[in-house]
Amino acid sequence: MTVLTRRYRFSASHRLCSAAFSEERNREVFGKCANAFGHGHNYFLEVSVEGEPDPLSGMTVPRRDLDSWVEATVLSRIDHTHLNTDISEFRDLVPTSENILVVIESWLRQGSKQHLPGKALRLSGLRLEETPRNSFQIGSGESTCLH
């Protein structure tokens, strides 16, 4: 098995707050990230897939196919949005980086059959870098088949 990881960039704003908390509790839990006006990040997303290289091309998956899949299922939906108001999944879910990864994983799985038909690939990991000091990861353990 070979693992291919591609890195993508998107920008989005959000406000960390829970409807279950008072404003005071939101400030205690989320600090300055609970600012009523929100704030933004330039995120970096790494998508890792694994599979056997094609015997003729030597590639696990053509890079343009992977890029097309990520663009159509993630970047076109999330880039330059306000997560709390523009992305339906975050209307009732706090848009922490951990939750952003969960949503992105779901989108990628839903779009895999359409954008990667017939490819025997596994989504082996996702990594989201929010700031140079904060990054979050899904999939350091077992990978899950896309089809």
N, C-alpha and C. Protein backbone atom coordinates (compact mmCIF):
# COMPACT_ATOMS: atom_id res chain seq x y z
N MET A 1 0.83 -1.19 0.00
CA MET A 1 0.00 0.00 0.00
C MET A 1 0.88 1.25 0.00
N THR A 2 0.41 2.23 -0.72
CA THR A 2 1.06 3.53 -0.78
C THR A 2 0.10 4.59 -0.28
N VAL A 3 0.61 5.53 0.48
CA VAL A 3 -0.22 6.63 0.97
C VAL A 3 0.17 7.89 0.21
N LEU A 4 -0.83 8.57 -0.33
CA LEU A 4 -0.65 9.85 -1.00
C LEU A 4 -1.34 10.91 -0.15
N THR A 5 -0.62 11.97 0.15
CA THR A 5 -1.19 13.09 0.90
C THR A 5 -1.06 14.35 0.07
N ARG A 6 -2.18 15.06 -0.07
CA ARG A 6 -2.20 16.34 -0.78
C ARG A 6 -2.64 17.41 0.21
N ARG A 7 -2.12 18.61 0.03
CA ARG A 7 -2.38 19.73 0.94
C ARG A 7 -3.17 20.80 0.19
N TYR A 8 -4.21 21.30 0.86
CA TYR A 8 -5.10 22.31 0.27
C TYR A 8 -5.26 23.45 1.26
N ARG A 9 -5.65 24.60 0.73
CA ARG A 9 -5.84 25.78 1.58
C ARG A 9 -7.25 26.32 1.38
N PHE A 10 -7.86 26.75 2.47
CA PHE A 10 -9.13 27.46 2.39
C PHE A 10 -9.20 28.46 3.53
N SER A 11 -10.05 29.46 3.35
CA SER A 11 -10.25 30.49 4.37
C SER A 11 -11.70 30.45 4.81
N ALA A 12 -11.91 30.58 6.10
CA ALA A 12 -13.27 30.59 6.64
C ALA A 12 -13.26 31.31 7.98
N SER A 13 -14.42 31.85 8.31
CA SER A 13 -14.57 32.47 9.62
C SER A 13 -15.58 31.67 10.43
N HIS A 14 -15.54 31.87 11.73
CA HIS A 14 -16.47 31.18 12.61
C HIS A 14 -16.50 31.87 13.96
N ARG A 15 -17.47 31.48 14.74
CA ARG A 15 -17.57 31.89 16.13
C ARG A 15 -17.75 30.62 16.94
N LEU A 16 -16.93 30.44 17.94
CA LEU A 16 -17.08 29.28 18.82
C LEU A 16 -18.03 29.65 19.94
N CYS A 17 -19.20 29.05 19.90
CA CYS A 17 -20.19 29.28 20.94
C CYS A 17 -21.20 28.14 20.90
N SER A 18 -21.70 27.80 22.04
CA SER A 18 -22.70 26.75 22.14
C SER A 18 -24.01 27.37 22.61
N ALA A 19 -25.09 27.05 21.92
CA ALA A 19 -26.41 27.55 22.31
C ALA A 19 -26.80 27.05 23.71
N ALA A 20 -26.18 25.96 24.14
CA ALA A 20 -26.47 25.40 25.46
C ALA A 20 -25.80 26.18 26.58
N PHE A 21 -24.86 27.08 26.23
CA PHE A 21 -24.13 27.87 27.23
C PHE A 21 -24.64 29.30 27.26
N SER A 22 -24.48 29.93 28.40
CA SER A 22 -24.72 31.37 28.50
C SER A 22 -23.55 32.08 27.81
N GLU A 23 -23.70 33.38 27.56
CA GLU A 23 -22.60 34.15 26.96
C GLU A 23 -21.36 34.08 27.85
N GLU A 24 -21.58 34.18 29.15
CA GLU A 24 -20.46 34.11 30.10
C GLU A 24 -19.75 32.76 30.01
N ARG A 25 -20.53 31.69 29.97
CA ARG A 25 -19.94 30.33 29.88
C ARG A 25 -19.22 30.15 28.55
N ASN A 26 -19.79 30.68 27.47
CA ASN A 26 -19.10 30.60 26.17
C ASN A 26 -17.75 31.29 26.24
N ARG A 27 -17.69 32.46 26.88
CA ARG A 27 -16.41 33.16 27.02
C ARG A 27 -15.43 32.36 27.88
N GLU A 28 -15.94 31.71 28.93
CA GLU A 28 -15.07 30.88 29.78
C GLU A 28 -14.50 29.70 28.99
N VAL A 29 -15.33 29.05 28.22
CA VAL A 29 -14.91 27.84 27.50
C VAL A 29 -14.08 28.17 26.26
N PHE A 30 -14.53 29.15 25.47
CA PHE A 30 -13.91 29.41 24.17
C PHE A 30 -13.04 30.65 24.13
N GLY A 31 -12.99 31.41 25.21
CA GLY A 31 -12.14 32.59 25.27
C GLY A 31 -12.47 33.59 24.18
N LYS A 32 -11.43 34.19 23.60
CA LYS A 32 -11.64 35.22 22.58
C LYS A 32 -12.29 34.67 21.32
N CYS A 33 -12.29 33.36 21.16
CA CYS A 33 -12.93 32.75 19.99
C CYS A 33 -14.46 32.80 20.07
N ALA A 34 -15.00 33.23 21.22
CA ALA A 34 -16.45 33.40 21.38
C ALA A 34 -16.89 34.82 21.02
N ASN A 35 -15.98 35.62 20.52
CA ASN A 35 -16.29 36.99 20.11
C ASN A 35 -17.54 36.99 19.24
N ALA A 36 -18.49 37.84 19.56
CA ALA A 36 -19.78 37.87 18.85
C ALA A 36 -19.63 38.13 17.34
N PHE A 37 -18.55 38.77 16.94
CA PHE A 37 -18.35 39.07 15.52
C PHE A 37 -17.60 37.95 14.79
N GLY A 38 -17.14 36.97 15.52
CA GLY A 38 -16.40 35.87 14.91
C GLY A 38 -14.97 36.26 14.57
N HIS A 39 -14.28 35.35 13.96
CA HIS A 39 -12.90 35.55 13.52
C HIS A 39 -12.61 34.53 12.43
N GLY A 40 -11.52 34.70 11.72
CA GLY A 40 -11.23 33.82 10.60
C GLY A 40 -9.86 33.18 10.66
N HIS A 41 -9.71 32.17 9.84
CA HIS A 41 -8.45 31.44 9.71
C HIS A 41 -8.16 31.14 8.25
N ASN A 42 -6.90 31.02 7.94
CA ASN A 42 -6.46 30.45 6.68
C ASN A 42 -6.04 29.02 7.01
N TYR A 43 -6.93 28.08 6.74
CA TYR A 43 -6.72 26.68 7.10
C TYR A 43 -5.90 25.97 6.03
N PHE A 44 -5.19 24.94 6.47
CA PHE A 44 -4.55 23.99 5.57
C PHE A 44 -5.13 22.63 5.87
N LEU A 45 -5.62 21.98 4.83
CA LEU A 45 -6.21 20.65 4.94
C LEU A 45 -5.33 19.66 4.20
N GLU A 46 -4.95 18.59 4.88
CA GLU A 46 -4.22 17.50 4.24
C GLU A 46 -5.15 16.30 4.15
N VAL A 47 -5.27 15.77 2.94
CA VAL A 47 -6.09 14.60 2.67
C VAL A 47 -5.16 13.47 2.26
N SER A 48 -5.24 12.35 3.00
CA SER A 48 -4.38 11.20 2.70
C SER A 48 -5.25 10.02 2.26
N VAL A 49 -4.87 9.43 1.13
CA VAL A 49 -5.54 8.23 0.64
C VAL A 49 -4.47 7.15 0.45
N GLU A 50 -4.91 5.91 0.60
CA GLU A 50 -3.96 4.82 0.38
C GLU A 50 -4.56 3.81 -0.57
N GLY A 51 -3.68 3.17 -1.30
CA GLY A 51 -4.09 2.15 -2.25
C GLY A 51 -2.86 1.57 -2.91
N GLU A 52 -3.11 0.63 -3.77
CA GLU A 52 -2.02 0.02 -4.54
C GLU A 52 -1.75 0.86 -5.78
N PRO A 53 -0.50 1.14 -6.08
CA PRO A 53 -0.19 1.88 -7.30
C PRO A 53 -0.63 1.09 -8.54
N ASP A 54 -1.15 1.81 -9.52
CA ASP A 54 -1.53 1.21 -10.79
C ASP A 54 -0.27 0.64 -11.45
N PRO A 55 -0.31 -0.59 -11.95
CA PRO A 55 0.90 -1.18 -12.53
C PRO A 55 1.40 -0.46 -13.78
N LEU A 56 0.52 0.22 -14.50
CA LEU A 56 0.95 0.91 -15.72
C LEU A 56 1.44 2.33 -15.45
N SER A 57 0.68 3.09 -14.66
CA SER A 57 1.07 4.49 -14.41
C SER A 57 2.00 4.63 -13.22
N GLY A 58 1.95 3.66 -12.29
CA GLY A 58 2.75 3.76 -11.07
C GLY A 58 2.15 4.69 -10.03
N MET A 59 0.92 5.18 -10.30
CA MET A 59 0.28 6.13 -9.39
C MET A 59 -0.83 5.46 -8.60
N THR A 60 -0.95 5.86 -7.35
CA THR A 60 -2.05 5.39 -6.51
C THR A 60 -3.37 5.94 -7.04
N VAL A 61 -3.37 7.21 -7.37
CA VAL A 61 -4.51 7.90 -7.99
C VAL A 61 -3.94 9.11 -8.70
N PRO A 62 -4.43 9.43 -9.89
CA PRO A 62 -3.96 10.65 -10.55
C PRO A 62 -4.24 11.87 -9.66
N ARG A 63 -3.26 12.74 -9.53
CA ARG A 63 -3.39 13.90 -8.65
C ARG A 63 -4.59 14.75 -9.04
N ARG A 64 -4.85 14.89 -10.35
CA ARG A 64 -5.98 15.72 -10.78
C ARG A 64 -7.30 15.14 -10.31
N ASP A 65 -7.41 13.80 -10.22
CA ASP A 65 -8.64 13.17 -9.73
C ASP A 65 -8.83 13.46 -8.25
N LEU A 66 -7.76 13.37 -7.48
CA LEU A 66 -7.82 13.67 -6.05
C LEU A 66 -8.17 15.14 -5.84
N ASP A 67 -7.50 16.01 -6.60
CA ASP A 67 -7.77 17.45 -6.48
C ASP A 67 -9.21 17.79 -6.85
N SER A 68 -9.71 17.17 -7.89
CA SER A 68 -11.09 17.41 -8.32
C SER A 68 -12.09 16.98 -7.26
N TRP A 69 -11.84 15.84 -6.65
CA TRP A 69 -12.70 15.32 -5.58
C TRP A 69 -12.73 16.27 -4.39
N VAL A 70 -11.56 16.72 -3.94
CA VAL A 70 -11.48 17.62 -2.78
C VAL A 70 -12.08 18.98 -3.12
N GLU A 71 -11.82 19.48 -4.31
CA GLU A 71 -12.38 20.77 -4.71
C GLU A 71 -13.91 20.73 -4.73
N ALA A 72 -14.46 19.69 -5.35
CA ALA A 72 -15.92 19.60 -5.52
C ALA A 72 -16.64 19.31 -4.21
N THR A 73 -16.06 18.49 -3.36
CA THR A 73 -16.78 18.06 -2.16
C THR A 73 -16.46 18.88 -0.92
N VAL A 74 -15.33 19.58 -0.91
CA VAL A 74 -14.95 20.33 0.28
C VAL A 74 -14.71 21.81 -0.03
N LEU A 75 -13.71 22.09 -0.81
CA LEU A 75 -13.26 23.48 -0.97
C LEU A 75 -14.33 24.39 -1.55
N SER A 76 -15.07 23.91 -2.54
CA SER A 76 -16.11 24.75 -3.15
C SER A 76 -17.24 25.05 -2.16
N ARG A 77 -17.38 24.23 -1.15
CA ARG A 77 -18.44 24.42 -0.15
C ARG A 77 -18.02 25.28 1.03
N ILE A 78 -16.73 25.26 1.36
CA ILE A 78 -16.29 25.83 2.63
C ILE A 78 -15.43 27.08 2.49
N ASP A 79 -14.76 27.25 1.35
CA ASP A 79 -13.84 28.37 1.20
C ASP A 79 -14.59 29.70 1.22
N HIS A 80 -14.07 30.65 1.99
CA HIS A 80 -14.62 32.00 2.12
C HIS A 80 -16.08 31.98 2.61
N THR A 81 -16.32 31.18 3.63
CA THR A 81 -17.65 31.14 4.24
C THR A 81 -17.54 31.54 5.71
N HIS A 82 -18.70 31.83 6.29
CA HIS A 82 -18.81 31.95 7.74
C HIS A 82 -19.45 30.63 8.16
N LEU A 83 -18.69 29.80 8.81
CA LEU A 83 -19.12 28.42 9.09
C LEU A 83 -20.45 28.35 9.83
N ASN A 84 -20.63 29.21 10.83
CA ASN A 84 -21.85 29.16 11.64
C ASN A 84 -23.11 29.43 10.83
N THR A 85 -23.02 30.31 9.85
CA THR A 85 -24.22 30.73 9.13
C THR A 85 -24.32 30.16 7.71
N ASP A 86 -23.20 29.86 7.07
CA ASP A 86 -23.22 29.42 5.68
C ASP A 86 -23.22 27.91 5.49
N ILE A 87 -22.81 27.18 6.50
CA ILE A 87 -22.70 25.72 6.39
C ILE A 87 -23.74 25.08 7.30
N SER A 88 -24.70 24.40 6.70
CA SER A 88 -25.84 23.88 7.48
C SER A 88 -25.42 22.95 8.61
N GLU A 89 -24.37 22.19 8.42
CA GLU A 89 -23.92 21.27 9.46
C GLU A 89 -23.52 21.98 10.75
N PHE A 90 -23.19 23.27 10.65
CA PHE A 90 -22.73 24.01 11.83
C PHE A 90 -23.81 24.90 12.44
N ARG A 91 -25.01 24.77 11.98
CA ARG A 91 -26.09 25.56 12.58
C ARG A 91 -26.30 25.14 14.03
N ASP A 92 -26.15 23.83 14.31
CA ASP A 92 -26.34 23.32 15.68
C ASP A 92 -25.09 22.63 16.22
N LEU A 93 -23.99 22.75 15.51
CA LEU A 93 -22.73 22.10 15.89
C LEU A 93 -21.66 23.18 15.99
N VAL A 94 -20.97 23.23 17.12
CA VAL A 94 -19.92 24.24 17.30
C VAL A 94 -18.81 23.97 16.28
N PRO A 95 -18.44 24.96 15.46
CA PRO A 95 -17.45 24.74 14.41
C PRO A 95 -16.01 24.78 14.91
N THR A 96 -15.72 23.90 15.86
CA THR A 96 -14.33 23.73 16.29
C THR A 96 -13.58 23.02 15.17
N SER A 97 -12.29 23.06 15.21
CA SER A 97 -11.51 22.35 14.17
C SER A 97 -11.78 20.86 14.21
N GLU A 98 -12.00 20.33 15.41
CA GLU A 98 -12.32 18.90 15.51
C GLU A 98 -13.61 18.59 14.75
N ASN A 99 -14.63 19.44 14.94
CA ASN A 99 -15.91 19.23 14.26
C ASN A 99 -15.81 19.52 12.76
N ILE A 100 -14.99 20.49 12.38
CA ILE A 100 -14.78 20.76 10.96
C ILE A 100 -14.23 19.51 10.28
N LEU A 101 -13.28 18.84 10.91
CA LEU A 101 -12.73 17.60 10.33
C LEU A 101 -13.79 16.52 10.19
N VAL A 102 -14.64 16.37 11.18
CA VAL A 102 -15.71 15.36 11.12
C VAL A 102 -16.63 15.64 9.93
N VAL A 103 -16.99 16.90 9.74
CA VAL A 103 -17.86 17.28 8.63
C VAL A 103 -17.15 17.05 7.30
N ILE A 104 -15.90 17.46 7.19
CA ILE A 104 -15.14 17.26 5.95
C ILE A 104 -15.02 15.78 5.63
N GLU A 105 -14.76 14.96 6.63
CA GLU A 105 -14.67 13.51 6.39
C GLU A 105 -15.99 12.99 5.81
N SER A 106 -17.09 13.42 6.36
CA SER A 106 -18.41 13.01 5.87
C SER A 106 -18.60 13.44 4.41
N TRP A 107 -18.27 14.68 4.10
CA TRP A 107 -18.40 15.17 2.72
C TRP A 107 -17.56 14.35 1.76
N LEU A 108 -16.32 14.06 2.15
CA LEU A 108 -15.43 13.30 1.27
C LEU A 108 -15.98 11.90 1.02
N ARG A 109 -16.47 11.26 2.05
CA ARG A 109 -17.04 9.92 1.87
C ARG A 109 -18.25 9.95 0.95
N GLN A 110 -19.12 10.97 1.13
CA GLN A 110 -20.32 11.07 0.29
C GLN A 110 -19.96 11.32 -1.18
N GLY A 111 -18.88 12.04 -1.43
CA GLY A 111 -18.50 12.38 -2.81
C GLY A 111 -17.54 11.43 -3.46
N SER A 112 -17.08 10.41 -2.74
CA SER A 112 -16.03 9.55 -3.29
C SER A 112 -16.50 8.72 -4.48
N LYS A 113 -17.69 8.18 -4.44
CA LYS A 113 -18.16 7.33 -5.54
C LYS A 113 -18.33 8.12 -6.83
N GLN A 114 -18.80 9.35 -6.71
CA GLN A 114 -18.99 10.19 -7.88
C GLN A 114 -17.66 10.64 -8.47
N HIS A 115 -16.71 11.02 -7.62
CA HIS A 115 -15.47 11.62 -8.10
C HIS A 115 -14.31 10.64 -8.26
N LEU A 116 -14.40 9.49 -7.63
CA LEU A 116 -13.33 8.49 -7.74
C LEU A 116 -13.94 7.13 -8.10
N PRO A 117 -14.73 7.06 -9.16
CA PRO A 117 -15.39 5.79 -9.47
C PRO A 117 -14.39 4.70 -9.81
N GLY A 118 -14.65 3.53 -9.25
CA GLY A 118 -13.82 2.37 -9.55
C GLY A 118 -12.44 2.38 -8.94
N LYS A 119 -12.12 3.37 -8.15
CA LYS A 119 -10.79 3.43 -7.53
C LYS A 119 -10.83 2.67 -6.21
N ALA A 120 -9.91 1.75 -6.02
CA ALA A 120 -9.81 0.99 -4.77
C ALA A 120 -8.91 1.76 -3.81
N LEU A 121 -9.51 2.76 -3.16
CA LEU A 121 -8.76 3.64 -2.26
C LEU A 121 -9.36 3.60 -0.87
N ARG A 122 -8.54 3.97 0.08
CA ARG A 122 -9.00 4.16 1.45
C ARG A 122 -8.62 5.57 1.87
N LEU A 123 -9.54 6.22 2.57
CA LEU A 123 -9.23 7.51 3.18
C LEU A 123 -8.46 7.20 4.45
N SER A 124 -7.17 7.44 4.43
CA SER A 124 -6.34 7.02 5.56
C SER A 124 -6.09 8.11 6.58
N GLY A 125 -6.41 9.36 6.23
CA GLY A 125 -6.22 10.40 7.22
C GLY A 125 -6.59 11.77 6.72
N LEU A 126 -6.96 12.61 7.66
CA LEU A 126 -7.20 14.02 7.42
C LEU A 126 -6.48 14.81 8.49
N ARG A 127 -5.90 15.92 8.10
CA ARG A 127 -5.22 16.79 9.05
C ARG A 127 -5.63 18.22 8.72
N LEU A 128 -6.03 18.97 9.73
CA LEU A 128 -6.44 20.35 9.55
C LEU A 128 -5.54 21.22 10.41
N GLU A 129 -4.85 22.16 9.76
CA GLU A 129 -4.01 23.12 10.48
C GLU A 129 -4.78 24.42 10.55
N GLU A 130 -5.11 24.81 11.77
CA GLU A 130 -5.87 26.03 12.02
C GLU A 130 -4.93 27.23 12.15
N THR A 131 -3.86 27.03 12.88
CA THR A 131 -2.82 28.04 13.08
C THR A 131 -1.48 27.29 13.08
N PRO A 132 -0.37 28.00 13.03
CA PRO A 132 0.92 27.31 13.12
C PRO A 132 1.08 26.49 14.41
N ARG A 133 0.31 26.84 15.45
CA ARG A 133 0.42 26.12 16.72
C ARG A 133 -0.66 25.05 16.93
N ASN A 134 -1.73 25.07 16.11
CA ASN A 134 -2.85 24.15 16.31
C ASN A 134 -3.14 23.35 15.05
N SER A 135 -3.03 22.03 15.17
CA SER A 135 -3.46 21.17 14.08
C SER A 135 -4.22 19.99 14.67
N PHE A 136 -5.10 19.43 13.87
CA PHE A 136 -6.01 18.38 14.31
C PHE A 136 -5.99 17.29 13.26
N GLN A 137 -6.17 16.06 13.70
CA GLN A 137 -6.01 14.93 12.79
C GLN A 137 -7.05 13.86 13.04
N ILE A 138 -7.52 13.25 11.95
CA ILE A 138 -8.38 12.07 12.00
C ILE A 138 -7.67 11.00 11.19
N GLY A 139 -7.68 9.81 11.70
CA GLY A 139 -7.22 8.69 10.86
C GLY A 139 -5.81 8.22 11.08
N SER A 140 -5.26 8.42 12.25
CA SER A 140 -3.92 7.89 12.49
C SER A 140 -3.96 6.38 12.72
N GLY A 141 -5.15 5.86 12.93
CA GLY A 141 -5.33 4.42 13.14
C GLY A 141 -5.72 3.73 11.85
N GLU A 142 -6.71 2.85 11.92
CA GLU A 142 -7.15 2.11 10.74
C GLU A 142 -7.82 3.04 9.74
N SER A 143 -7.59 2.76 8.47
CA SER A 143 -8.24 3.54 7.43
C SER A 143 -9.55 2.88 7.04
N THR A 144 -10.41 3.64 6.40
CA THR A 144 -11.72 3.15 6.04
C THR A 144 -11.88 3.21 4.54
N CYS A 145 -12.42 2.14 3.97
CA CYS A 145 -12.62 2.04 2.53
C CYS A 145 -13.61 3.10 2.07
N LEU A 146 -13.33 3.72 0.93
CA LEU A 146 -14.20 4.76 0.39
C LEU A 146 -15.40 4.19 -0.35
N HIS A 147 -15.31 2.98 -0.85
CA HIS A 147 -16.42 2.42 -1.65
C HIS A 147 -17.03 1.23 -0.97
